Amino acid sequence: MGKKFGLVLAGSVLIGVFLAWMLLKGTNAVQAWIDPNPWLGFAAWGIAWLCVLGGAALIARVVFSTEADRVDEVD
């Protein structure tokens, strides 16, 4: 139970990092860093997408995993 909660929490944090980047990338302060150096923007874009994909993978691991101690009833 604790491991599943931790995986869901970590996945949610990673997706939150992606959403924060999507909100912050259009602000003047971030644009001032990205405009002179397009490689920095490309790297941040790649890291943000890796975060969302990793977060979704962690949550999917919890949702679609089989429980070893689950007993299916047979009639």
PDB file of N, CA and C in Angstrom:
ATOM      1  N   MET A   1       0.826  -1.188   0.000  1.00  0.00           N
ATOM      2  CA  MET A   1       0.000   0.000   0.000  1.00  0.00           C
ATOM      3  C   MET A   1       0.868   1.248   0.000  1.00  0.00           C
ATOM      4  N   GLY A   2       1.913   1.269   0.816  1.00  0.00           N
ATOM      5  CA  GLY A   2       2.774   2.438   0.895  1.00  0.00           C
ATOM      6  C   GLY A   2       3.573   2.654  -0.379  1.00  0.00           C
ATOM      7  N   LYS A   3       3.994   1.552  -1.000  1.00  0.00           N
ATOM      8  CA  LYS A   3       4.762   1.660  -2.239  1.00  0.00           C
ATOM      9  C   LYS A   3       3.884   2.207  -3.354  1.00  0.00           C
ATOM     10  N   LYS A   4       2.647   1.757  -3.423  1.00  0.00           N
ATOM     11  CA  LYS A   4       1.733   2.246  -4.453  1.00  0.00           C
ATOM     12  C   LYS A   4       1.447   3.733  -4.269  1.00  0.00           C
ATOM     13  N   PHE A   5       1.237   4.130  -3.028  1.00  0.00           N
ATOM     14  CA  PHE A   5       0.982   5.545  -2.746  1.00  0.00           C
ATOM     15  C   PHE A   5       2.193   6.385  -3.134  1.00  0.00           C
ATOM     16  N   GLY A   6       3.375   5.895  -2.838  1.00  0.00           N
ATOM     17  CA  GLY A   6       4.592   6.611  -3.193  1.00  0.00           C
ATOM     18  C   GLY A   6       4.771   6.746  -4.692  1.00  0.00           C
ATOM     19  N   LEU A   7       4.450   5.685  -5.444  1.00  0.00           N
ATOM     20  CA  LEU A   7       4.557   5.744  -6.899  1.00  0.00           C
ATOM     21  C   LEU A   7       3.559   6.727  -7.497  1.00  0.00           C
ATOM     22  N   VAL A   8       2.338   6.721  -6.989  1.00  0.00           N
ATOM     23  CA  VAL A   8       1.334   7.661  -7.478  1.00  0.00           C
ATOM     24  C   VAL A   8       1.732   9.091  -7.123  1.00  0.00           C
ATOM     25  N   LEU A   9       2.258   9.289  -5.930  1.00  0.00           N
ATOM     26  CA  LEU A   9       2.690  10.626  -5.516  1.00  0.00           C
ATOM     27  C   LEU A   9       3.851  11.106  -6.376  1.00  0.00           C
ATOM     28  N   ALA A  10       4.824  10.246  -6.632  1.00  0.00           N
ATOM     29  CA  ALA A  10       5.961  10.622  -7.475  1.00  0.00           C
ATOM     30  C   ALA A  10       5.504  10.914  -8.901  1.00  0.00           C
ATOM     31  N   GLY A  11       4.598  10.121  -9.429  1.00  0.00           N
ATOM     32  CA  GLY A  11       4.066  10.366 -10.765  1.00  0.00           C
ATOM     33  C   GLY A  11       3.319  11.681 -10.846  1.00  0.00           C
ATOM     34  N   SER A  12       2.561  11.988  -9.806  1.00  0.00           N
ATOM     35  CA  SER A  12       1.829  13.248  -9.768  1.00  0.00           C
ATOM     36  C   SER A  12       2.778  14.440  -9.700  1.00  0.00           C
ATOM     37  N   VAL A  13       3.858  14.300  -8.948  1.00  0.00           N
ATOM     38  CA  VAL A  13       4.845  15.378  -8.866  1.00  0.00           C
ATOM     39  C   VAL A  13       5.504  15.601 -10.223  1.00  0.00           C
ATOM     40  N   LEU A  14       5.846  14.533 -10.914  1.00  0.00           N
ATOM     41  CA  LEU A  14       6.459  14.676 -12.233  1.00  0.00           C
ATOM     42  C   LEU A  14       5.508  15.330 -13.228  1.00  0.00           C
ATOM     43  N   ILE A  15       4.253  14.969 -13.193  1.00  0.00           N
ATOM     44  CA  ILE A  15       3.268  15.605 -14.073  1.00  0.00           C
ATOM     45  C   ILE A  15       3.083  17.065 -13.669  1.00  0.00           C
ATOM     46  N   GLY A  16       3.156  17.348 -12.374  1.00  0.00           N
ATOM     47  CA  GLY A  16       3.087  18.734 -11.899  1.00  0.00           C
ATOM     48  C   GLY A  16       4.252  19.576 -12.401  1.00  0.00           C
ATOM     49  N   VAL A  17       5.441  18.974 -12.490  1.00  0.00           N
ATOM     50  CA  VAL A  17       6.597  19.690 -13.044  1.00  0.00           C
ATOM     51  C   VAL A  17       6.329  20.052 -14.502  1.00  0.00           C
ATOM     52  N   PHE A  18       5.768  19.128 -15.256  1.00  0.00           N
ATOM     53  CA  PHE A  18       5.425  19.411 -16.652  1.00  0.00           C
ATOM     54  C   PHE A  18       4.417  20.551 -16.745  1.00  0.00           C
ATOM     55  N   LEU A  19       3.366  20.501 -15.931  1.00  0.00           N
ATOM     56  CA  LEU A  19       2.342  21.545 -15.977  1.00  0.00           C
ATOM     57  C   LEU A  19       2.906  22.896 -15.545  1.00  0.00           C
ATOM     58  N   ALA A  20       3.792  22.890 -14.567  1.00  0.00           N
ATOM     59  CA  ALA A  20       4.430  24.140 -14.139  1.00  0.00           C
ATOM     60  C   ALA A  20       5.261  24.726 -15.274  1.00  0.00           C
ATOM     61  N   TRP A  21       5.992  23.873 -16.003  1.00  0.00           N
ATOM     62  CA  TRP A  21       6.775  24.359 -17.139  1.00  0.00           C
ATOM     63  C   TRP A  21       5.856  24.950 -18.209  1.00  0.00           C
ATOM     64  N   MET A  22       4.732  24.288 -18.471  1.00  0.00           N
ATOM     65  CA  MET A  22       3.809  24.793 -19.484  1.00  0.00           C
ATOM     66  C   MET A  22       3.260  26.167 -19.095  1.00  0.00           C
ATOM     67  N   LEU A  23       3.062  26.400 -17.807  1.00  0.00           N
ATOM     68  CA  LEU A  23       2.578  27.704 -17.348  1.00  0.00           C
ATOM     69  C   LEU A  23       3.684  28.759 -17.346  1.00  0.00           C
ATOM     70  N   LEU A  24       4.885  28.363 -16.973  1.00  0.00           N
ATOM     71  CA  LEU A  24       5.966  29.330 -16.816  1.00  0.00           C
ATOM     72  C   LEU A  24       6.711  29.655 -18.104  1.00  0.00           C
ATOM     73  N   LYS A  25       6.614  28.824 -19.116  1.00  0.00           N
ATOM     74  CA  LYS A  25       7.430  29.045 -20.314  1.00  0.00           C
ATOM     75  C   LYS A  25       7.044  30.308 -21.070  1.00  0.00           C
ATOM     76  N   GLY A  26       5.859  30.807 -20.872  1.00  0.00           N
ATOM     77  CA  GLY A  26       5.429  32.012 -21.568  1.00  0.00           C
ATOM     78  C   GLY A  26       5.674  33.298 -20.802  1.00  0.00           C
ATOM     79  N   THR A  27       6.187  33.205 -19.596  1.00  0.00           N
ATOM     80  CA  THR A  27       6.415  34.419 -18.813  1.00  0.00           C
ATOM     81  C   THR A  27       7.653  35.156 -19.313  1.00  0.00           C
ATOM     82  N   ASN A  28       7.704  36.435 -19.021  1.00  0.00           N
ATOM     83  CA  ASN A  28       8.815  37.269 -19.484  1.00  0.00           C
ATOM     84  C   ASN A  28      10.148  36.822 -18.906  1.00  0.00           C
ATOM     85  N   ALA A  29      10.154  36.407 -17.645  1.00  0.00           N
ATOM     86  CA  ALA A  29      11.410  36.002 -17.014  1.00  0.00           C
ATOM     87  C   ALA A  29      11.995  34.763 -17.683  1.00  0.00           C
ATOM     88  N   VAL A  30      11.168  33.805 -18.000  1.00  0.00           N
ATOM     89  CA  VAL A  30      11.652  32.584 -18.643  1.00  0.00           C
ATOM     90  C   VAL A  30      12.033  32.874 -20.093  1.00  0.00           C
ATOM     91  N   GLN A  31      11.259  33.687 -20.775  1.00  0.00           N
ATOM     92  CA  GLN A  31      11.574  34.038 -22.157  1.00  0.00           C
ATOM     93  C   GLN A  31      12.902  34.780 -22.264  1.00  0.00           C
ATOM     94  N   ALA A  32      13.233  35.554 -21.236  1.00  0.00           N
ATOM     95  CA  ALA A  32      14.517  36.262 -21.235  1.00  0.00           C
ATOM     96  C   ALA A  32      15.685  35.271 -21.192  1.00  0.00           C
ATOM     97  N   TRP A  33      15.508  34.112 -20.581  1.00  0.00           N
ATOM     98  CA  TRP A  33      16.559  33.083 -20.536  1.00  0.00           C
ATOM     99  C   TRP A  33      16.591  32.258 -21.824  1.00  0.00           C
ATOM    100  N   ILE A  34      15.417  32.002 -22.388  1.00  0.00           N
ATOM    101  CA  ILE A  34      15.324  31.094 -23.525  1.00  0.00           C
ATOM    102  C   ILE A  34      15.643  31.781 -24.855  1.00  0.00           C
ATOM    103  N   ASP A  35      15.212  33.027 -25.043  1.00  0.00           N
ATOM    104  CA  ASP A  35      15.387  33.700 -26.332  1.00  0.00           C
ATOM    105  C   ASP A  35      16.838  33.778 -26.796  1.00  0.00           C
ATOM    106  N   PRO A  36      17.796  34.143 -25.929  1.00  0.00           N
ATOM    107  CA  PRO A  36      19.176  34.200 -26.427  1.00  0.00           C
ATOM    108  C   PRO A  36      19.802  32.823 -26.656  1.00  0.00           C
ATOM    109  N   ASN A  37      19.300  31.803 -26.000  1.00  0.00           N
ATOM    110  CA  ASN A  37      19.888  30.475 -26.109  1.00  0.00           C
ATOM    111  C   ASN A  37      18.794  29.446 -26.412  1.00  0.00           C
ATOM    112  N   PRO A  38      18.544  29.150 -27.681  1.00  0.00           N
ATOM    113  CA  PRO A  38      17.467  28.209 -28.008  1.00  0.00           C
ATOM    114  C   PRO A  38      17.737  26.785 -27.524  1.00  0.00           C
ATOM    115  N   TRP A  39      19.003  26.422 -27.332  1.00  0.00           N
ATOM    116  CA  TRP A  39      19.299  25.071 -26.820  1.00  0.00           C
ATOM    117  C   TRP A  39      18.793  24.888 -25.398  1.00  0.00           C
ATOM    118  N   LEU A  40      18.804  25.962 -24.623  1.00  0.00           N
ATOM    119  CA  LEU A  40      18.275  25.886 -23.258  1.00  0.00           C
ATOM    120  C   LEU A  40      16.772  25.608 -23.291  1.00  0.00           C
ATOM    121  N   GLY A  41      16.075  26.282 -24.187  1.00  0.00           N
ATOM    122  CA  GLY A  41      14.639  26.030 -24.333  1.00  0.00           C
ATOM    123  C   GLY A  41      14.344  24.629 -24.815  1.00  0.00           C
ATOM    124  N   PHE A  42      15.154  24.138 -25.748  1.00  0.00           N
ATOM    125  CA  PHE A  42      14.969  22.784 -26.250  1.00  0.00           C
ATOM    126  C   PHE A  42      15.222  21.750 -25.153  1.00  0.00           C
ATOM    127  N   ALA A  43      16.259  21.973 -24.340  1.00  0.00           N
ATOM    128  CA  ALA A  43      16.562  21.053 -23.242  1.00  0.00           C
ATOM    129  C   ALA A  43      15.438  21.063 -22.200  1.00  0.00           C
ATOM    130  N   ALA A  44      14.937  22.239 -21.869  1.00  0.00           N
ATOM    131  CA  ALA A  44      13.843  22.330 -20.896  1.00  0.00           C
ATOM    132  C   ALA A  44      12.584  21.674 -21.440  1.00  0.00           C
ATOM    133  N   TRP A  45      12.332  21.844 -22.731  1.00  0.00           N
ATOM    134  CA  TRP A  45      11.174  21.212 -23.365  1.00  0.00           C
ATOM    135  C   TRP A  45      11.300  19.692 -23.292  1.00  0.00           C
ATOM    136  N   GLY A  46      12.488  19.170 -23.576  1.00  0.00           N
ATOM    137  CA  GLY A  46      12.703  17.725 -23.521  1.00  0.00           C
ATOM    138  C   GLY A  46      12.569  17.171 -22.114  1.00  0.00           C
ATOM    139  N   ILE A  47      13.119  17.884 -21.133  1.00  0.00           N
ATOM    140  CA  ILE A  47      13.017  17.440 -19.744  1.00  0.00           C
ATOM    141  C   ILE A  47      11.564  17.448 -19.283  1.00  0.00           C
ATOM    142  N   ALA A  48      10.813  18.471 -19.691  1.00  0.00           N
ATOM    143  CA  ALA A  48       9.400  18.551 -19.304  1.00  0.00           C
ATOM    144  C   ALA A  48       8.619  17.368 -19.870  1.00  0.00           C
ATOM    145  N   TRP A  49       8.869  17.010 -21.131  1.00  0.00           N
ATOM    146  CA  TRP A  49       8.156  15.877 -21.714  1.00  0.00           C
ATOM    147  C   TRP A  49       8.586  14.557 -21.090  1.00  0.00           C
ATOM    148  N   LEU A  50       9.855  14.437 -20.732  1.00  0.00           N
ATOM    149  CA  LEU A  50      10.289  13.231 -20.024  1.00  0.00           C
ATOM    150  C   LEU A  50       9.609  13.123 -18.663  1.00  0.00           C
ATOM    151  N   CYS A  51       9.410  14.261 -18.007  1.00  0.00           N
ATOM    152  CA  CYS A  51       8.714  14.250 -16.711  1.00  0.00           C
ATOM    153  C   CYS A  51       7.276  13.774 -16.859  1.00  0.00           C
ATOM    154  N   VAL A  52       6.561  14.281 -17.855  1.00  0.00           N
ATOM    155  CA  VAL A  52       5.157  13.878 -17.999  1.00  0.00           C
ATOM    156  C   VAL A  52       5.048  12.410 -18.404  1.00  0.00           C
ATOM    157  N   LEU A  53       5.937  11.957 -19.266  1.00  0.00           N
ATOM    158  CA  LEU A  53       5.891  10.545 -19.658  1.00  0.00           C
ATOM    159  C   LEU A  53       6.294   9.630 -18.501  1.00  0.00           C
ATOM    160  N   GLY A  54       7.294  10.035 -17.735  1.00  0.00           N
ATOM    161  CA  GLY A  54       7.698   9.248 -16.574  1.00  0.00           C
ATOM    162  C   GLY A  54       6.621   9.211 -15.510  1.00  0.00           C
ATOM    163  N   GLY A  55       5.976  10.344 -15.280  1.00  0.00           N
ATOM    164  CA  GLY A  55       4.886  10.389 -14.307  1.00  0.00           C
ATOM    165  C   GLY A  55       3.716   9.527 -14.716  1.00  0.00           C
ATOM    166  N   ALA A  56       3.369   9.582 -15.998  1.00  0.00           N
ATOM    167  CA  ALA A  56       2.276   8.738 -16.484  1.00  0.00           C
ATOM    168  C   ALA A  56       2.647   7.259 -16.387  1.00  0.00           C
ATOM    169  N   ALA A  57       3.904   6.931 -16.629  1.00  0.00           N
ATOM    170  CA  ALA A  57       4.344   5.539 -16.520  1.00  0.00           C
ATOM    171  C   ALA A  57       4.276   5.046 -15.079  1.00  0.00           C
ATOM    172  N   LEU A  58       4.654   5.889 -14.129  1.00  0.00           N
ATOM    173  CA  LEU A  58       4.579   5.488 -12.723  1.00  0.00           C
ATOM    174  C   LEU A  58       3.139   5.244 -12.292  1.00  0.00           C
ATOM    175  N   ILE A  59       2.249   6.133 -12.688  1.00  0.00           N
ATOM    176  CA  ILE A  59       0.841   5.962 -12.320  1.00  0.00           C
ATOM    177  C   ILE A  59       0.259   4.741 -13.018  1.00  0.00           C
ATOM    178  N   ALA A  60       0.609   4.527 -14.276  1.00  0.00           N
ATOM    179  CA  ALA A  60       0.117   3.349 -14.997  1.00  0.00           C
ATOM    180  C   ALA A  60       0.639   2.071 -14.366  1.00  0.00           C
ATOM    181  N   ARG A  61       1.848   2.111 -13.841  1.00  0.00           N
ATOM    182  CA  ARG A  61       2.406   0.925 -13.180  1.00  0.00           C
ATOM    183  C   ARG A  61       1.552   0.524 -11.981  1.00  0.00           C
ATOM    184  N   VAL A  62       1.056   1.504 -11.246  1.00  0.00           N
ATOM    185  CA  VAL A  62       0.215   1.211 -10.090  1.00  0.00           C
ATOM    186  C   VAL A  62      -1.161   0.734 -10.541  1.00  0.00           C
ATOM    187  N   VAL A  63      -1.731   1.406 -11.526  1.00  0.00           N
ATOM    188  CA  VAL A  63      -3.094   1.092 -11.950  1.00  0.00           C
ATOM    189  C   VAL A  63      -3.183  -0.287 -12.599  1.00  0.00           C
ATOM    190  N   PHE A  64      -2.195  -0.624 -13.420  1.00  0.00           N
ATOM    191  CA  PHE A  64      -2.276  -1.863 -14.192  1.00  0.00           C
ATOM    192  C   PHE A  64      -1.448  -3.007 -13.628  1.00  0.00           C
ATOM    193  N   SER A  65      -0.895  -2.851 -12.440  1.00  0.00           N
ATOM    194  CA  SER A  65      -0.103  -3.940 -11.865  1.00  0.00           C
ATOM    195  C   SER A  65      -1.020  -4.989 -11.252  1.00  0.00           C
ATOM    196  N   THR A  66      -0.553  -6.223 -11.249  1.00  0.00           N
ATOM    197  CA  THR A  66      -1.313  -7.294 -10.615  1.00  0.00           C
ATOM    198  C   THR A  66      -0.829  -7.445  -9.186  1.00  0.00           C
ATOM    199  N   GLU A  67      -1.751  -7.708  -8.308  1.00  0.00           N
ATOM    200  CA  GLU A  67      -1.394  -7.897  -6.906  1.00  0.00           C
ATOM    201  C   GLU A  67      -1.092  -9.371  -6.671  1.00  0.00           C
ATOM    202  N   ALA A  68       0.022  -9.651  -6.042  1.00  0.00           N
ATOM    203  CA  ALA A  68       0.433 -11.029  -5.811  1.00  0.00           C
ATOM    204  C   ALA A  68      -0.461 -11.728  -4.786  1.00  0.00           C
ATOM    205  N   ASP A  69      -0.976 -10.961  -3.829  1.00  0.00           N
ATOM    206  CA  ASP A  69      -1.775 -11.594  -2.780  1.00  0.00           C
ATOM    207  C   ASP A  69      -3.279 -11.518  -3.057  1.00  0.00           C
ATOM    208  N   ARG A  70      -3.674 -11.069  -4.226  1.00  0.00           N
ATOM    209  CA  ARG A  70      -5.092 -11.009  -4.556  1.00  0.00           C
ATOM    210  C   ARG A  70      -5.600 -12.403  -4.907  1.00  0.00           C
ATOM    211  N   VAL A  71      -6.718 -12.789  -4.366  1.00  0.00           N
ATOM    212  CA  VAL A  71      -7.290 -14.108  -4.619  1.00  0.00           C
ATOM    213  C   VAL A  71      -8.580 -13.924  -5.401  1.00  0.00           C
ATOM    214  N   ASP A  72      -8.627 -14.524  -6.572  1.00  0.00           N
ATOM    215  CA  ASP A  72      -9.844 -14.483  -7.379  1.00  0.00           C
ATOM    216  C   ASP A  72     -10.770 -15.624  -6.949  1.00  0.00           C
ATOM    217  N   GLU A  73     -12.024 -15.299  -6.780  1.00  0.00           N
ATOM    218  CA  GLU A  73     -12.985 -16.320  -6.381  1.00  0.00           C
ATOM    219  C   GLU A  73     -13.464 -17.075  -7.613  1.00  0.00           C
ATOM    220  N   VAL A  74     -13.551 -18.373  -7.462  1.00  0.00           N
ATOM    221  CA  VAL A  74     -14.038 -19.219  -8.547  1.00  0.00           C
ATOM    222  C   VAL A  74     -15.317 -19.902  -8.053  1.00  0.00           C
ATOM    223  N   ASP A  75     -16.378 -19.766  -8.829  1.00  0.00           N
ATOM    224  CA  ASP A  75     -17.651 -20.409  -8.413  1.00  0.00           C
ATOM    225  C   ASP A  75     -17.734 -21.819  -8.881  1.00  0.00           C
TER     226      ASP A  75
END
